[in-house]
Protein backbone atom coordinates (compact mmCIF):
# COMPACT_ATOMS: atom_id res chain seq x y z
CA UNK A 1 0.00 0.00 0.00
CA UNK A 2 1.43 3.41 -0.91
CA UNK A 3 2.35 5.74 1.96
CA UNK A 4 -0.64 7.84 3.23
CA UNK A 5 1.36 11.08 3.06
CA UNK A 6 2.27 10.41 -0.58
CA UNK A 7 -1.37 9.63 -1.38
CA UNK A 8 -2.42 12.93 0.21
CA UNK A 9 0.25 14.82 -1.78
CA UNK A 10 -0.95 13.22 -5.02
CA UNK A 11 -4.61 13.78 -4.12
CA UNK A 12 -3.86 17.52 -3.76
CA UNK A 13 -2.87 17.45 -7.46
CA UNK A 14 -5.53 14.97 -8.59
CA UNK A 15 -8.56 15.02 -6.27
CA UNK A 16 -10.33 12.34 -8.31
CA UNK A 17 -7.86 9.57 -7.56
CA UNK A 18 -8.60 6.25 -5.96
CA UNK A 19 -6.58 3.22 -4.97
CA UNK A 20 -7.13 -0.09 -6.70
CA UNK A 21 -5.63 -3.52 -6.28
CA UNK A 22 -5.42 -6.60 -8.45
CA UNK A 23 -3.51 -9.78 -7.75
CA UNK A 24 -1.86 -8.23 -4.71
CA UNK A 25 -0.52 -5.28 -6.73
CA UNK A 26 -1.53 -1.76 -5.68
CA UNK A 27 -2.39 0.88 -8.29
CA UNK A 28 -3.42 4.53 -8.22
CA UNK A 29 -6.33 5.29 -10.56
CA UNK A 30 -6.84 8.87 -11.75
CA UNK A 31 -10.13 9.22 -13.63
CA UNK A 32 -9.53 12.63 -15.24
CA UNK A 33 -5.91 13.24 -16.12
CA UNK A 34 -4.94 16.17 -18.35
CA UNK A 35 -2.00 15.70 -20.72
CA UNK A 36 0.09 18.51 -22.31
CA UNK A 37 -1.67 20.72 -24.90
CA UNK A 38 -0.36 19.02 -28.04
CA UNK A 39 -1.68 15.60 -26.98
CA UNK A 40 -4.87 14.15 -28.45
CA UNK A 41 -6.95 13.40 -26.54
CA UNK A 42 -5.91 15.71 -23.74
CA UNK A 43 -7.96 14.06 -21.03
CA UNK A 44 -7.53 10.37 -20.26
CA UNK A 45 -7.91 7.96 -17.40
CA UNK A 46 -4.55 6.76 -16.04
CA UNK A 47 -3.41 3.94 -13.83
CA UNK A 48 -0.13 4.42 -11.98
CA UNK A 49 1.72 1.28 -11.03
CA UNK A 50 4.24 2.59 -8.48
CA UNK A 51 6.16 -0.70 -8.38
CA UNK A 52 8.65 -2.45 -10.65
CA UNK A 53 6.78 -3.86 -13.63
CA UNK A 54 7.87 -5.14 -17.04
CA UNK A 55 11.46 -3.99 -16.40
CA UNK A 56 10.42 -0.43 -15.45
CA UNK A 57 10.66 1.13 -11.95
CA UNK A 58 7.04 2.30 -12.34
CA UNK A 59 4.47 2.41 -15.13
CA UNK A 60 1.84 4.93 -16.14
CA UNK A 61 -0.92 3.21 -18.10
CA UNK A 62 -3.46 5.19 -20.13
CA UNK A 63 -6.93 4.03 -21.09
CA UNK A 64 -6.23 4.85 -24.75
CA UNK A 65 -3.41 5.51 -27.17
CA UNK A 66 -2.58 9.22 -27.33
CA UNK A 67 -1.24 11.14 -30.33
CA UNK A 68 1.68 13.26 -29.14
CA UNK A 69 5.08 14.64 -30.15
CA UNK A 70 6.89 13.68 -26.96
CA UNK A 71 9.82 11.33 -26.50
CA UNK A 72 7.79 8.40 -25.17
CA UNK A 73 7.53 5.87 -27.98
CA UNK A 74 6.64 2.27 -28.72
CA UNK A 75 2.93 2.41 -27.92
CA UNK A 76 1.35 -0.91 -27.33
CA UNK A 77 -0.89 -2.66 -24.93
CA UNK A 78 2.07 -4.37 -23.25
CA UNK A 79 1.96 -7.92 -22.02
CA UNK A 80 -0.04 -8.02 -18.84
CA UNK A 81 -1.65 -4.64 -19.40
CA UNK A 82 -5.17 -5.99 -18.97
CA UNK A 83 -5.69 -4.70 -15.44
CA UNK A 84 -8.88 -4.16 -13.47
CA UNK A 85 -10.93 -5.56 -16.35
CA UNK A 86 -9.60 -3.06 -18.90
CA UNK A 87 -6.85 -2.91 -21.51
CA UNK A 88 -4.31 -0.15 -20.82
CA UNK A 89 -1.75 1.49 -23.09
CA UNK A 90 1.76 2.57 -22.12
CA UNK A 91 4.76 4.16 -23.78
CA UNK A 92 8.28 2.94 -23.32
CA UNK A 93 9.47 5.36 -20.62
CA UNK A 94 11.66 4.74 -17.60
CA UNK A 95 11.43 6.97 -14.57
CA UNK A 96 14.06 7.26 -11.89
CA UNK A 97 13.84 4.86 -8.96
CA UNK A 98 12.96 6.06 -5.46
CA UNK A 99 10.51 8.82 -6.43
CA UNK A 100 7.41 9.80 -4.47
CA UNK A 101 4.06 9.12 -6.16
CA UNK A 102 3.71 12.77 -7.25
CA UNK A 103 7.27 12.80 -8.59
CA UNK A 104 6.57 9.57 -10.51
CA UNK A 105 3.55 11.08 -12.25
CA UNK A 106 5.49 14.24 -13.13
CA UNK A 107 8.41 12.17 -14.43
CA UNK A 108 6.05 10.04 -16.54
CA UNK A 109 4.54 13.21 -18.04
CA UNK A 110 7.95 14.03 -19.52
CA UNK A 111 7.28 11.25 -22.07
CA UNK A 112 4.51 13.40 -23.57
CA UNK A 113 6.27 16.77 -23.60
CA UNK A 114 7.88 18.10 -26.74
């Protein structure tokens, strides 16, 4: 379970977040997540996996593929990305290890910035 203080910090940025769990893995679900201006669509639902997964220190899954000009590439519904009864999309993007939940989300957003 993510630290309560980190959840509160992230909830200050994204009040519509909730915690979800599947197969003993904890996730943070953000229903309305706004991406940078040049992304289409701009608003998506995201699922943050704050743990090592698929060779990444954390993963940010999106409910749909997004057109963007950022550095995050290789869109695909990765192996095992059917989570909580839904297929999720992710770009190939590695964050730094040891980040707080809020820092993770901010670091993942760099994949979508020009």
